[in-house]
Amino acid sequence: MAEDKVFKFKGKSLEELQAMSLEELSLLLPSRERRKINRGFSEQEQIFLRNMEAGQKKLKTHCRDMIVLPSMVGKKLSIYSGKEFVDVNIVGEMIGYRFGQLAPSKKIAVHTSVGAKKTVVRK
């Protein structure tokens, strides 16, 4: 029989994570993310969080240093990669990641063979 896999982050369910305060959540995150939460979010990040709580339909952001919080799970965001906005659906496994990790700013070049114009760029 196939069991339904329930998402857990450090032994906590998504509902438990969403009920936590930022201080409690920071204790579960790695030190760099914990330090960012303890020092506070920038003004741009605070504006982004207010817009997200207000329920705006299309959330676009340049804040690549923002941390994915449990309240963001299930949302669709557009994160700026330096050239264009990349659409991202936030899932539970992304909690604790930075937005910059979800929207890569560089593309990997694959060199196929010798000669001019033989470089293929993967997306």
PDB file of N, CA and C in Angstrom:
ATOM      1  N   MET A   1       0.829  -1.181   0.000  1.00  0.00           N
ATOM      2  CA  MET A   1       0.000   0.000   0.000  1.00  0.00           C
ATOM      3  C   MET A   1       0.875   1.246   0.000  1.00  0.00           C
ATOM      4  N   ALA A   2       0.446   2.219  -0.773  1.00  0.00           N
ATOM      5  CA  ALA A   2       1.188   3.470  -0.839  1.00  0.00           C
ATOM      6  C   ALA A   2       0.694   4.411   0.251  1.00  0.00           C
ATOM      7  N   GLU A   3       1.631   4.887   1.044  1.00  0.00           N
ATOM      8  CA  GLU A   3       1.280   5.836   2.103  1.00  0.00           C
ATOM      9  C   GLU A   3       1.324   7.250   1.547  1.00  0.00           C
ATOM     10  N   ASP A   4       0.422   8.081   2.015  1.00  0.00           N
ATOM     11  CA  ASP A   4       0.467   9.486   1.645  1.00  0.00           C
ATOM     12  C   ASP A   4       1.613  10.133   2.410  1.00  0.00           C
ATOM     13  N   LYS A   5       2.518  10.716   1.660  1.00  0.00           N
ATOM     14  CA  LYS A   5       3.677  11.337   2.286  1.00  0.00           C
ATOM     15  C   LYS A   5       3.297  12.717   2.809  1.00  0.00           C
ATOM     16  N   VAL A   6       3.460  12.914   4.096  1.00  0.00           N
ATOM     17  CA  VAL A   6       3.134  14.176   4.742  1.00  0.00           C
ATOM     18  C   VAL A   6       4.417  14.982   4.868  1.00  0.00           C
ATOM     19  N   PHE A   7       4.346  16.260   4.492  1.00  0.00           N
ATOM     20  CA  PHE A   7       5.525  17.127   4.571  1.00  0.00           C
ATOM     21  C   PHE A   7       5.860  17.434   6.022  1.00  0.00           C
ATOM     22  N   LYS A   8       7.134  17.269   6.354  1.00  0.00           N
ATOM     23  CA  LYS A   8       7.655  17.625   7.681  1.00  0.00           C
ATOM     24  C   LYS A   8       8.941  18.422   7.482  1.00  0.00           C
ATOM     25  N   PHE A   9       9.113  19.463   8.297  1.00  0.00           N
ATOM     26  CA  PHE A   9      10.347  20.239   8.305  1.00  0.00           C
ATOM     27  C   PHE A   9      10.884  20.194   9.713  1.00  0.00           C
ATOM     28  N   LYS A  10      11.992  19.506   9.890  1.00  0.00           N
ATOM     29  CA  LYS A  10      12.609  19.325  11.217  1.00  0.00           C
ATOM     30  C   LYS A  10      11.597  18.752  12.212  1.00  0.00           C
ATOM     31  N   GLY A  11      10.758  17.807  11.740  1.00  0.00           N
ATOM     32  CA  GLY A  11       9.801  17.140  12.605  1.00  0.00           C
ATOM     33  C   GLY A  11       8.506  17.894  12.837  1.00  0.00           C
ATOM     34  N   LYS A  12       8.335  19.036  12.195  1.00  0.00           N
ATOM     35  CA  LYS A  12       7.127  19.858  12.358  1.00  0.00           C
ATOM     36  C   LYS A  12       6.314  19.823  11.072  1.00  0.00           C
ATOM     37  N   SER A  13       4.984  19.747  11.224  1.00  0.00           N
ATOM     38  CA  SER A  13       4.115  19.771  10.048  1.00  0.00           C
ATOM     39  C   SER A  13       3.970  21.212   9.566  1.00  0.00           C
ATOM     40  N   LEU A  14       3.410  21.373   8.376  1.00  0.00           N
ATOM     41  CA  LEU A  14       3.251  22.707   7.801  1.00  0.00           C
ATOM     42  C   LEU A  14       2.333  23.575   8.658  1.00  0.00           C
ATOM     43  N   GLU A  15       1.285  22.986   9.204  1.00  0.00           N
ATOM     44  CA  GLU A  15       0.363  23.751  10.055  1.00  0.00           C
ATOM     45  C   GLU A  15       1.070  24.241  11.323  1.00  0.00           C
ATOM     46  N   GLU A  16       1.916  23.390  11.902  1.00  0.00           N
ATOM     47  CA  GLU A  16       2.667  23.792  13.095  1.00  0.00           C
ATOM     48  C   GLU A  16       3.649  24.913  12.762  1.00  0.00           C
ATOM     49  N   LEU A  17       4.288  24.821  11.606  1.00  0.00           N
ATOM     50  CA  LEU A  17       5.238  25.850  11.190  1.00  0.00           C
ATOM     51  C   LEU A  17       4.537  27.181  10.961  1.00  0.00           C
ATOM     52  N   GLN A  18       3.355  27.154  10.353  1.00  0.00           N
ATOM     53  CA  GLN A  18       2.631  28.390  10.075  1.00  0.00           C
ATOM     54  C   GLN A  18       2.121  29.040  11.365  1.00  0.00           C
ATOM     55  N   ALA A  19       1.893  28.230  12.403  1.00  0.00           N
ATOM     56  CA  ALA A  19       1.422  28.772  13.683  1.00  0.00           C
ATOM     57  C   ALA A  19       2.554  29.371  14.514  1.00  0.00           C
ATOM     58  N   MET A  20       3.807  29.061  14.182  1.00  0.00           N
ATOM     59  CA  MET A  20       4.962  29.552  14.945  1.00  0.00           C
ATOM     60  C   MET A  20       5.217  31.029  14.683  1.00  0.00           C
ATOM     61  N   SER A  21       5.841  31.675  15.657  1.00  0.00           N
ATOM     62  CA  SER A  21       6.305  33.044  15.451  1.00  0.00           C
ATOM     63  C   SER A  21       7.641  32.984  14.705  1.00  0.00           C
ATOM     64  N   LEU A  22       8.098  34.126  14.215  1.00  0.00           N
ATOM     65  CA  LEU A  22       9.373  34.165  13.494  1.00  0.00           C
ATOM     66  C   LEU A  22      10.540  33.759  14.398  1.00  0.00           C
ATOM     67  N   GLU A  23      10.479  34.121  15.675  1.00  0.00           N
ATOM     68  CA  GLU A  23      11.557  33.780  16.604  1.00  0.00           C
ATOM     69  C   GLU A  23      11.644  32.266  16.794  1.00  0.00           C
ATOM     70  N   GLU A  24      10.494  31.607  16.920  1.00  0.00           N
ATOM     71  CA  GLU A  24      10.485  30.148  17.077  1.00  0.00           C
ATOM     72  C   GLU A  24      10.948  29.458  15.802  1.00  0.00           C
ATOM     73  N   LEU A  25      10.515  29.994  14.661  1.00  0.00           N
ATOM     74  CA  LEU A  25      10.919  29.424  13.376  1.00  0.00           C
ATOM     75  C   LEU A  25      12.421  29.575  13.159  1.00  0.00           C
ATOM     76  N   SER A  26      12.972  30.706  13.584  1.00  0.00           N
ATOM     77  CA  SER A  26      14.404  30.944  13.366  1.00  0.00           C
ATOM     78  C   SER A  26      15.272  29.905  14.072  1.00  0.00           C
ATOM     79  N   LEU A  27      14.776  29.344  15.164  1.00  0.00           N
ATOM     80  CA  LEU A  27      15.548  28.323  15.880  1.00  0.00           C
ATOM     81  C   LEU A  27      15.661  27.025  15.082  1.00  0.00           C
ATOM     82  N   LEU A  28      14.768  26.808  14.120  1.00  0.00           N
ATOM     83  CA  LEU A  28      14.813  25.606  13.291  1.00  0.00           C
ATOM     84  C   LEU A  28      15.679  25.786  12.044  1.00  0.00           C
ATOM     85  N   LEU A  29      15.988  27.026  11.689  1.00  0.00           N
ATOM     86  CA  LEU A  29      16.717  27.324  10.456  1.00  0.00           C
ATOM     87  C   LEU A  29      18.224  27.343  10.702  1.00  0.00           C
ATOM     88  N   PRO A  30      19.018  27.215   9.629  1.00  0.00           N
ATOM     89  CA  PRO A  30      20.475  27.329   9.765  1.00  0.00           C
ATOM     90  C   PRO A  30      20.892  28.718  10.246  1.00  0.00           C
ATOM     91  N   SER A  31      22.147  28.849  10.657  1.00  0.00           N
ATOM     92  CA  SER A  31      22.611  30.064  11.328  1.00  0.00           C
ATOM     93  C   SER A  31      22.490  31.320  10.467  1.00  0.00           C
ATOM     94  N   ARG A  32      22.758  31.224   9.170  1.00  0.00           N
ATOM     95  CA  ARG A  32      22.698  32.416   8.315  1.00  0.00           C
ATOM     96  C   ARG A  32      21.263  32.954   8.240  1.00  0.00           C
ATOM     97  N   GLU A  33      20.293  32.055   8.083  1.00  0.00           N
ATOM     98  CA  GLU A  33      18.893  32.467   8.021  1.00  0.00           C
ATOM     99  C   GLU A  33      18.412  32.953   9.391  1.00  0.00           C
ATOM    100  N   ARG A  34      18.870  32.291  10.443  1.00  0.00           N
ATOM    101  CA  ARG A  34      18.505  32.702  11.806  1.00  0.00           C
ATOM    102  C   ARG A  34      19.021  34.116  12.073  1.00  0.00           C
ATOM    103  N   ARG A  35      20.232  34.411  11.660  1.00  0.00           N
ATOM    104  CA  ARG A  35      20.824  35.735  11.865  1.00  0.00           C
ATOM    105  C   ARG A  35      20.039  36.805  11.109  1.00  0.00           C
ATOM    106  N   LYS A  36      19.624  36.497   9.879  1.00  0.00           N
ATOM    107  CA  LYS A  36      18.858  37.456   9.085  1.00  0.00           C
ATOM    108  C   LYS A  36      17.520  37.770   9.761  1.00  0.00           C
ATOM    109  N   ILE A  37      16.831  36.731  10.246  1.00  0.00           N
ATOM    110  CA  ILE A  37      15.546  36.942  10.911  1.00  0.00           C
ATOM    111  C   ILE A  37      15.733  37.744  12.202  1.00  0.00           C
ATOM    112  N   ASN A  38      16.766  37.440  12.967  1.00  0.00           N
ATOM    113  CA  ASN A  38      17.010  38.147  14.225  1.00  0.00           C
ATOM    114  C   ASN A  38      17.365  39.611  14.005  1.00  0.00           C
ATOM    115  N   ARG A  39      18.065  39.923  12.923  1.00  0.00           N
ATOM    116  CA  ARG A  39      18.439  41.304  12.631  1.00  0.00           C
ATOM    117  C   ARG A  39      17.299  42.087  11.999  1.00  0.00           C
ATOM    118  N   GLY A  40      16.315  41.383  11.445  1.00  0.00           N
ATOM    119  CA  GLY A  40      15.160  42.052  10.849  1.00  0.00           C
ATOM    120  C   GLY A  40      15.257  42.111   9.336  1.00  0.00           C
ATOM    121  N   PHE A  41      14.099  42.248   8.712  1.00  0.00           N
ATOM    122  CA  PHE A  41      14.034  42.318   7.261  1.00  0.00           C
ATOM    123  C   PHE A  41      14.228  43.751   6.798  1.00  0.00           C
ATOM    124  N   SER A  42      14.721  43.905   5.563  1.00  0.00           N
ATOM    125  CA  SER A  42      14.897  45.239   5.001  1.00  0.00           C
ATOM    126  C   SER A  42      13.526  45.841   4.694  1.00  0.00           C
ATOM    127  N   GLU A  43      13.515  47.120   4.351  1.00  0.00           N
ATOM    128  CA  GLU A  43      12.246  47.800   4.073  1.00  0.00           C
ATOM    129  C   GLU A  43      11.556  47.185   2.859  1.00  0.00           C
ATOM    130  N   GLN A  44      12.323  46.845   1.828  1.00  0.00           N
ATOM    131  CA  GLN A  44      11.743  46.211   0.636  1.00  0.00           C
ATOM    132  C   GLN A  44      11.120  44.864   0.986  1.00  0.00           C
ATOM    133  N   GLU A  45      11.786  44.101   1.830  1.00  0.00           N
ATOM    134  CA  GLU A  45      11.273  42.793   2.229  1.00  0.00           C
ATOM    135  C   GLU A  45      10.015  42.936   3.082  1.00  0.00           C
ATOM    136  N   GLN A  46       9.964  43.952   3.925  1.00  0.00           N
ATOM    137  CA  GLN A  46       8.771  44.205   4.728  1.00  0.00           C
ATOM    138  C   GLN A  46       7.587  44.587   3.840  1.00  0.00           C
ATOM    139  N   ILE A  47       7.835  45.391   2.812  1.00  0.00           N
ATOM    140  CA  ILE A  47       6.778  45.757   1.865  1.00  0.00           C
ATOM    141  C   ILE A  47       6.284  44.518   1.138  1.00  0.00           C
ATOM    142  N   PHE A  48       7.214  43.649   0.732  1.00  0.00           N
ATOM    143  CA  PHE A  48       6.843  42.403   0.055  1.00  0.00           C
ATOM    144  C   PHE A  48       5.965  41.544   0.963  1.00  0.00           C
ATOM    145  N   LEU A  49       6.326  41.414   2.237  1.00  0.00           N
ATOM    146  CA  LEU A  49       5.540  40.606   3.169  1.00  0.00           C
ATOM    147  C   LEU A  49       4.146  41.195   3.390  1.00  0.00           C
ATOM    148  N   ARG A  50       4.049  42.530   3.467  1.00  0.00           N
ATOM    149  CA  ARG A  50       2.738  43.166   3.618  1.00  0.00           C
ATOM    150  C   ARG A  50       1.856  42.906   2.400  1.00  0.00           C
ATOM    151  N   ASN A  51       2.456  43.009   1.191  1.00  0.00           N
ATOM    152  CA  ASN A  51       1.694  42.755  -0.033  1.00  0.00           C
ATOM    153  C   ASN A  51       1.251  41.298  -0.109  1.00  0.00           C
ATOM    154  N   MET A  52       2.082  40.388   0.357  1.00  0.00           N
ATOM    155  CA  MET A  52       1.733  38.972   0.337  1.00  0.00           C
ATOM    156  C   MET A  52       0.577  38.701   1.300  1.00  0.00           C
ATOM    157  N   GLU A  53       0.621  39.304   2.486  1.00  0.00           N
ATOM    158  CA  GLU A  53      -0.448  39.126   3.469  1.00  0.00           C
ATOM    159  C   GLU A  53      -1.751  39.755   2.997  1.00  0.00           C
ATOM    160  N   ALA A  54      -1.651  40.841   2.200  1.00  0.00           N
ATOM    161  CA  ALA A  54      -2.839  41.500   1.675  1.00  0.00           C
ATOM    162  C   ALA A  54      -3.505  40.659   0.590  1.00  0.00           C
ATOM    163  N   GLY A  55      -2.791  39.661   0.103  1.00  0.00           N
ATOM    164  CA  GLY A  55      -3.370  38.754  -0.881  1.00  0.00           C
ATOM    165  C   GLY A  55      -3.300  39.257  -2.305  1.00  0.00           C
ATOM    166  N   GLN A  56      -2.258  40.001  -2.637  1.00  0.00           N
ATOM    167  CA  GLN A  56      -2.112  40.456  -4.010  1.00  0.00           C
ATOM    168  C   GLN A  56      -1.986  39.255  -4.937  1.00  0.00           C
ATOM    169  N   LYS A  57      -2.573  39.381  -6.127  1.00  0.00           N
ATOM    170  CA  LYS A  57      -2.588  38.277  -7.090  1.00  0.00           C
ATOM    171  C   LYS A  57      -1.195  38.008  -7.645  1.00  0.00           C
ATOM    172  N   LYS A  58      -0.584  39.046  -8.211  1.00  0.00           N
ATOM    173  CA  LYS A  58       0.695  38.873  -8.883  1.00  0.00           C
ATOM    174  C   LYS A  58       1.791  39.475  -8.021  1.00  0.00           C
ATOM    175  N   LEU A  59       2.587  38.623  -7.399  1.00  0.00           N
ATOM    176  CA  LEU A  59       3.677  39.101  -6.556  1.00  0.00           C
ATOM    177  C   LEU A  59       4.977  39.042  -7.330  1.00  0.00           C
ATOM    178  N   LYS A  60       5.557  40.212  -7.578  1.00  0.00           N
ATOM    179  CA  LYS A  60       6.852  40.296  -8.243  1.00  0.00           C
ATOM    180  C   LYS A  60       7.828  40.902  -7.253  1.00  0.00           C
ATOM    181  N   THR A  61       9.049  40.413  -7.257  1.00  0.00           N
ATOM    182  CA  THR A  61      10.023  40.951  -6.319  1.00  0.00           C
ATOM    183  C   THR A  61      11.436  40.916  -6.896  1.00  0.00           C
ATOM    184  N   HIS A  62      12.234  41.862  -6.431  1.00  0.00           N
ATOM    185  CA  HIS A  62      13.665  41.893  -6.730  1.00  0.00           C
ATOM    186  C   HIS A  62      14.460  41.418  -5.514  1.00  0.00           C
ATOM    187  N   CYS A  63      13.778  41.120  -4.411  1.00  0.00           N
ATOM    188  CA  CYS A  63      14.437  40.738  -3.161  1.00  0.00           C
ATOM    189  C   CYS A  63      14.926  39.293  -3.244  1.00  0.00           C
ATOM    190  N   ARG A  64      16.115  39.100  -3.766  1.00  0.00           N
ATOM    191  CA  ARG A  64      16.659  37.751  -3.914  1.00  0.00           C
ATOM    192  C   ARG A  64      17.213  37.218  -2.589  1.00  0.00           C
ATOM    193  N   ASP A  65      17.338  38.095  -1.593  1.00  0.00           N
ATOM    194  CA  ASP A  65      17.886  37.704  -0.301  1.00  0.00           C
ATOM    195  C   ASP A  65      16.799  37.326   0.707  1.00  0.00           C
ATOM    196  N   MET A  66      15.543  37.392   0.298  1.00  0.00           N
ATOM    197  CA  MET A  66      14.415  37.051   1.173  1.00  0.00           C
ATOM    198  C   MET A  66      14.383  35.551   1.432  1.00  0.00           C
ATOM    199  N   ILE A  67      14.010  35.169   2.644  1.00  0.00           N
ATOM    200  CA  ILE A  67      13.928  33.758   3.032  1.00  0.00           C
ATOM    201  C   ILE A  67      12.506  33.265   2.792  1.00  0.00           C
ATOM    202  N   VAL A  68      12.364  32.034   2.294  1.00  0.00           N
ATOM    203  CA  VAL A  68      11.047  31.436   2.112  1.00  0.00           C
ATOM    204  C   VAL A  68      10.509  31.049   3.488  1.00  0.00           C
ATOM    205  N   LEU A  69       9.366  31.621   3.848  1.00  0.00           N
ATOM    206  CA  LEU A  69       8.725  31.378   5.138  1.00  0.00           C
ATOM    207  C   LEU A  69       7.537  30.437   4.955  1.00  0.00           C
ATOM    208  N   PRO A  70       7.096  29.759   6.015  1.00  0.00           N
ATOM    209  CA  PRO A  70       5.969  28.836   5.891  1.00  0.00           C
ATOM    210  C   PRO A  70       4.683  29.499   5.391  1.00  0.00           C
ATOM    211  N   SER A  71       4.496  30.786   5.661  1.00  0.00           N
ATOM    212  CA  SER A  71       3.286  31.471   5.193  1.00  0.00           C
ATOM    213  C   SER A  71       3.272  31.645   3.677  1.00  0.00           C
ATOM    214  N   MET A  72       4.403  31.447   3.012  1.00  0.00           N
ATOM    215  CA  MET A  72       4.497  31.605   1.560  1.00  0.00           C
ATOM    216  C   MET A  72       4.165  30.328   0.797  1.00  0.00           C
ATOM    217  N   VAL A  73       4.045  29.211   1.485  1.00  0.00           N
ATOM    218  CA  VAL A  73       3.812  27.925   0.817  1.00  0.00           C
ATOM    219  C   VAL A  73       2.478  27.971   0.087  1.00  0.00           C
ATOM    220  N   GLY A  74       2.503  27.559  -1.177  1.00  0.00           N
ATOM    221  CA  GLY A  74       1.304  27.542  -2.003  1.00  0.00           C
ATOM    222  C   GLY A  74       1.137  28.793  -2.844  1.00  0.00           C
ATOM    223  N   LYS A  75       1.996  29.789  -2.680  1.00  0.00           N
ATOM    224  CA  LYS A  75       1.903  31.041  -3.435  1.00  0.00           C
ATOM    225  C   LYS A  75       2.706  30.935  -4.723  1.00  0.00           C
ATOM    226  N   LYS A  76       2.350  31.785  -5.686  1.00  0.00           N
ATOM    227  CA  LYS A  76       3.103  31.913  -6.928  1.00  0.00           C
ATOM    228  C   LYS A  76       3.794  33.265  -6.916  1.00  0.00           C
ATOM    229  N   LEU A  77       5.098  33.248  -7.118  1.00  0.00           N
ATOM    230  CA  LEU A  77       5.894  34.471  -7.096  1.00  0.00           C
ATOM    231  C   LEU A  77       6.634  34.622  -8.409  1.00  0.00           C
ATOM    232  N   SER A  78       7.000  35.845  -8.733  1.00  0.00           N
ATOM    233  CA  SER A  78       7.901  36.122  -9.841  1.00  0.00           C
ATOM    234  C   SER A  78       9.134  36.778  -9.242  1.00  0.00           C
ATOM    235  N   ILE A  79      10.266  36.103  -9.373  1.00  0.00           N
ATOM    236  CA  ILE A  79      11.519  36.572  -8.780  1.00  0.00           C
ATOM    237  C   ILE A  79      12.431  37.041  -9.904  1.00  0.00           C
ATOM    238  N   TYR A  80      13.007  38.220  -9.739  1.00  0.00           N
ATOM    239  CA  TYR A  80      13.862  38.795 -10.776  1.00  0.00           C
ATOM    240  C   TYR A  80      15.218  38.110 -10.780  1.00  0.00           C
ATOM    241  N   SER A  81      15.653  37.657 -11.970  1.00  0.00           N
ATOM    242  CA  SER A  81      16.918  36.931 -12.080  1.00  0.00           C
ATOM    243  C   SER A  81      18.059  37.826 -12.553  1.00  0.00           C
ATOM    244  N   GLY A  82      17.801  39.111 -12.725  1.00  0.00           N
ATOM    245  CA  GLY A  82      18.817  40.013 -13.245  1.00  0.00           C
ATOM    246  C   GLY A  82      18.541  40.380 -14.681  1.00  0.00           C
ATOM    247  N   LYS A  83      17.709  39.579 -15.348  1.00  0.00           N
ATOM    248  CA  LYS A  83      17.355  39.833 -16.739  1.00  0.00           C
ATOM    249  C   LYS A  83      15.844  39.786 -16.939  1.00  0.00           C
ATOM    250  N   GLU A  84      15.194  38.862 -16.256  1.00  0.00           N
ATOM    251  CA  GLU A  84      13.752  38.662 -16.425  1.00  0.00           C
ATOM    252  C   GLU A  84      13.168  38.125 -15.124  1.00  0.00           C
ATOM    253  N   PHE A  85      11.860  38.132 -15.028  1.00  0.00           N
ATOM    254  CA  PHE A  85      11.190  37.566 -13.864  1.00  0.00           C
ATOM    255  C   PHE A  85      10.950  36.083 -14.099  1.00  0.00           C
ATOM    256  N   VAL A  86      11.324  35.260 -13.114  1.00  0.00           N
ATOM    257  CA  VAL A  86      11.156  33.816 -13.189  1.00  0.00           C
ATOM    258  C   VAL A  86       9.986  33.434 -12.291  1.00  0.00           C
ATOM    259  N   ASP A  87       8.987  32.741 -12.854  1.00  0.00           N
ATOM    260  CA  ASP A  87       7.835  32.311 -12.072  1.00  0.00           C
ATOM    261  C   ASP A  87       8.202  31.102 -11.224  1.00  0.00           C
ATOM    262  N   VAL A  88       7.835  31.161  -9.940  1.00  0.00           N
ATOM    263  CA  VAL A  88       8.166  30.097  -8.992  1.00  0.00           C
ATOM    264  C   VAL A  88       6.926  29.765  -8.168  1.00  0.00           C
ATOM    265  N   ASN A  89       6.595  28.492  -8.073  1.00  0.00           N
ATOM    266  CA  ASN A  89       5.543  28.024  -7.174  1.00  0.00           C
ATOM    267  C   ASN A  89       6.220  27.557  -5.895  1.00  0.00           C
ATOM    268  N   ILE A  90       5.867  28.146  -4.765  1.00  0.00           N
ATOM    269  CA  ILE A  90       6.506  27.819  -3.494  1.00  0.00           C
ATOM    270  C   ILE A  90       5.871  26.558  -2.912  1.00  0.00           C
ATOM    271  N   VAL A  91       6.715  25.568  -2.586  1.00  0.00           N
ATOM    272  CA  VAL A  91       6.272  24.326  -1.952  1.00  0.00           C
ATOM    273  C   VAL A  91       6.981  24.190  -0.606  1.00  0.00           C
ATOM    274  N   GLY A  92       6.528  23.264   0.209  1.00  0.00           N
ATOM    275  CA  GLY A  92       7.052  23.103   1.560  1.00  0.00           C
ATOM    276  C   GLY A  92       8.538  22.822   1.636  1.00  0.00           C
ATOM    277  N   GLU A  93       9.064  22.102   0.655  1.00  0.00           N
ATOM    278  CA  GLU A  93      10.486  21.758   0.677  1.00  0.00           C
ATOM    279  C   GLU A  93      11.393  22.972   0.510  1.00  0.00           C
ATOM    280  N   MET A  94      10.842  24.108   0.114  1.00  0.00           N
ATOM    281  CA  MET A  94      11.635  25.321  -0.119  1.00  0.00           C
ATOM    282  C   MET A  94      11.789  26.177   1.134  1.00  0.00           C
ATOM    283  N   ILE A  95      11.165  25.809   2.237  1.00  0.00           N
ATOM    284  CA  ILE A  95      11.253  26.611   3.460  1.00  0.00           C
ATOM    285  C   ILE A  95      12.715  26.720   3.898  1.00  0.00           C
ATOM    286  N   GLY A  96      13.151  27.938   4.165  1.00  0.00           N
ATOM    287  CA  GLY A  96      14.528  28.184   4.580  1.00  0.00           C
ATOM    288  C   GLY A  96      15.442  28.552   3.426  1.00  0.00           C
ATOM    289  N   TYR A  97      15.007  28.355   2.174  1.00  0.00           N
ATOM    290  CA  TYR A  97      15.804  28.738   1.013  1.00  0.00           C
ATOM    291  C   TYR A  97      15.718  30.247   0.834  1.00  0.00           C
ATOM    292  N   ARG A  98      16.647  30.800   0.064  1.00  0.00           N
ATOM    293  CA  ARG A  98      16.591  32.203  -0.331  1.00  0.00           C
ATOM    294  C   ARG A  98      15.955  32.266  -1.717  1.00  0.00           C
ATOM    295  N   PHE A  99      15.302  33.381  -2.025  1.00  0.00           N
ATOM    296  CA  PHE A  99      14.679  33.529  -3.336  1.00  0.00           C
ATOM    297  C   PHE A  99      15.715  33.411  -4.454  1.00  0.00           C
ATOM    298  N   GLY A 100      16.922  33.889  -4.199  1.00  0.00           N
ATOM    299  CA  GLY A 100      17.976  33.823  -5.207  1.00  0.00           C
ATOM    300  C   GLY A 100      18.344  32.399  -5.600  1.00  0.00           C
ATOM    301  N   GLN A 101      18.141  31.448  -4.698  1.00  0.00           N
ATOM    302  CA  GLN A 101      18.420  30.048  -5.007  1.00  0.00           C
ATOM    303  C   GLN A 101      17.352  29.466  -5.919  1.00  0.00           C
ATOM    304  N   LEU A 102      16.177  30.054  -5.925  1.00  0.00           N
ATOM    305  CA  LEU A 102      15.059  29.532  -6.700  1.00  0.00           C
ATOM    306  C   LEU A 102      15.010  30.113  -8.112  1.00  0.00           C
ATOM    307  N   ALA A 103      15.661  31.236  -8.336  1.00  0.00           N
ATOM    308  CA  ALA A 103      15.692  31.884  -9.647  1.00  0.00           C
ATOM    309  C   ALA A 103      17.145  32.118 -10.037  1.00  0.00           C
ATOM    310  N   PRO A 104      17.778  31.138 -10.669  1.00  0.00           N
ATOM    311  CA  PRO A 104      19.199  31.278 -10.999  1.00  0.00           C
ATOM    312  C   PRO A 104      19.456  32.443 -11.947  1.00  0.00           C
ATOM    313  N   SER A 105      20.567  33.133 -11.715  1.00  0.00           N
ATOM    314  CA  SER A 105      20.905  34.293 -12.535  1.00  0.00           C
ATOM    315  C   SER A 105      21.888  33.945 -13.643  1.00  0.00           C
ATOM    316  N   LYS A 106      22.438  32.755 -13.604  1.00  0.00           N
ATOM    317  CA  LYS A 106      23.384  32.323 -14.637  1.00  0.00           C
ATOM    318  C   LYS A 106      22.880  31.058 -15.287  1.00  0.00           C
ATOM    319  N   LYS A 107      23.177  30.909 -16.573  1.00  0.00           N
ATOM    320  CA  LYS A 107      22.804  29.706 -17.298  1.00  0.00           C
ATOM    321  C   LYS A 107      24.055  28.880 -17.535  1.00  0.00           C
ATOM    322  N   ILE A 108      23.899  27.576 -17.508  1.00  0.00           N
ATOM    323  CA  ILE A 108      25.027  26.667 -17.678  1.00  0.00           C
ATOM    324  C   ILE A 108      25.298  26.474 -19.162  1.00  0.00           C
ATOM    325  N   ALA A 109      26.531  26.715 -19.587  1.00  0.00           N
ATOM    326  CA  ALA A 109      26.918  26.525 -20.979  1.00  0.00           C
ATOM    327  C   ALA A 109      27.441  25.108 -21.154  1.00  0.00           C
ATOM    328  N   VAL A 110      26.940  24.428 -22.179  1.00  0.00           N
ATOM    329  CA  VAL A 110      27.388  23.070 -22.490  1.00  0.00           C
ATOM    330  C   VAL A 110      28.127  23.141 -23.803  1.00  0.00           C
ATOM    331  N   HIS A 111      29.399  22.790 -23.797  1.00  0.00           N
ATOM    332  CA  HIS A 111      30.214  22.828 -25.000  1.00  0.00           C
ATOM    333  C   HIS A 111      30.160  21.453 -25.647  1.00  0.00           C
ATOM    334  N   THR A 112      29.693  21.404 -26.897  1.00  0.00           N
ATOM    335  CA  THR A 112      29.495  20.114 -27.542  1.00  0.00           C
ATOM    336  C   THR A 112      30.734  19.627 -28.272  1.00  0.00           C
ATOM    337  N   SER A 113      31.226  20.372 -29.232  1.00  0.00           N
ATOM    338  CA  SER A 113      32.402  19.930 -29.969  1.00  0.00           C
ATOM    339  C   SER A 113      33.211  21.140 -30.416  1.00  0.00           C
ATOM    340  N   VAL A 114      34.365  20.873 -31.016  1.00  0.00           N
ATOM    341  CA  VAL A 114      35.267  21.935 -31.429  1.00  0.00           C
ATOM    342  C   VAL A 114      34.665  22.679 -32.618  1.00  0.00           C
ATOM    343  N   GLY A 115      34.825  23.981 -32.623  1.00  0.00           N
ATOM    344  CA  GLY A 115      34.347  24.774 -33.744  1.00  0.00           C
ATOM    345  C   GLY A 115      33.555  25.970 -33.266  1.00  0.00           C
ATOM    346  N   ALA A 116      33.351  26.873 -34.204  1.00  0.00           N
ATOM    347  CA  ALA A 116      32.612  28.087 -33.870  1.00  0.00           C
ATOM    348  C   ALA A 116      31.121  27.781 -33.742  1.00  0.00           C
ATOM    349  N   LYS A 117      30.468  28.487 -32.841  1.00  0.00           N
ATOM    350  CA  LYS A 117      29.023  28.395 -32.628  1.00  0.00           C
ATOM    351  C   LYS A 117      28.568  26.989 -32.242  1.00  0.00           C
ATOM    352  N   LYS A 118      29.355  26.302 -31.440  1.00  0.00           N
ATOM    353  CA  LYS A 118      29.010  24.962 -30.987  1.00  0.00           C
ATOM    354  C   LYS A 118      28.589  24.945 -29.529  1.00  0.00           C
ATOM    355  N   THR A 119      28.402  26.104 -28.927  1.00  0.00           N
ATOM    356  CA  THR A 119      28.009  26.167 -27.529  1.00  0.00           C
ATOM    357  C   THR A 119      26.491  26.202 -27.415  1.00  0.00           C
ATOM    358  N   VAL A 120      25.971  25.334 -26.594  1.00  0.00           N
ATOM    359  CA  VAL A 120      24.533  25.269 -26.349  1.00  0.00           C
ATOM    360  C   VAL A 120      24.290  25.748 -24.925  1.00  0.00           C
ATOM    361  N   VAL A 121      23.319  26.615 -24.732  1.00  0.00           N
ATOM    362  CA  VAL A 121      23.023  27.125 -23.405  1.00  0.00           C
ATOM    363  C   VAL A 121      21.744  26.467 -22.919  1.00  0.00           C
ATOM    364  N   ARG A 122      21.859  25.796 -21.756  1.00  0.00           N
ATOM    365  CA  ARG A 122      20.678  25.169 -21.147  1.00  0.00           C
ATOM    366  C   ARG A 122      19.942  26.178 -20.315  1.00  0.00           C
ATOM    367  N   LYS A 123      18.639  26.024 -20.262  1.00  0.00           N
ATOM    368  CA  LYS A 123      17.827  26.915 -19.417  1.00  0.00           C
ATOM    369  C   LYS A 123      17.632  26.302 -18.078  1.00  0.00           C
TER     370      LYS A 123
END
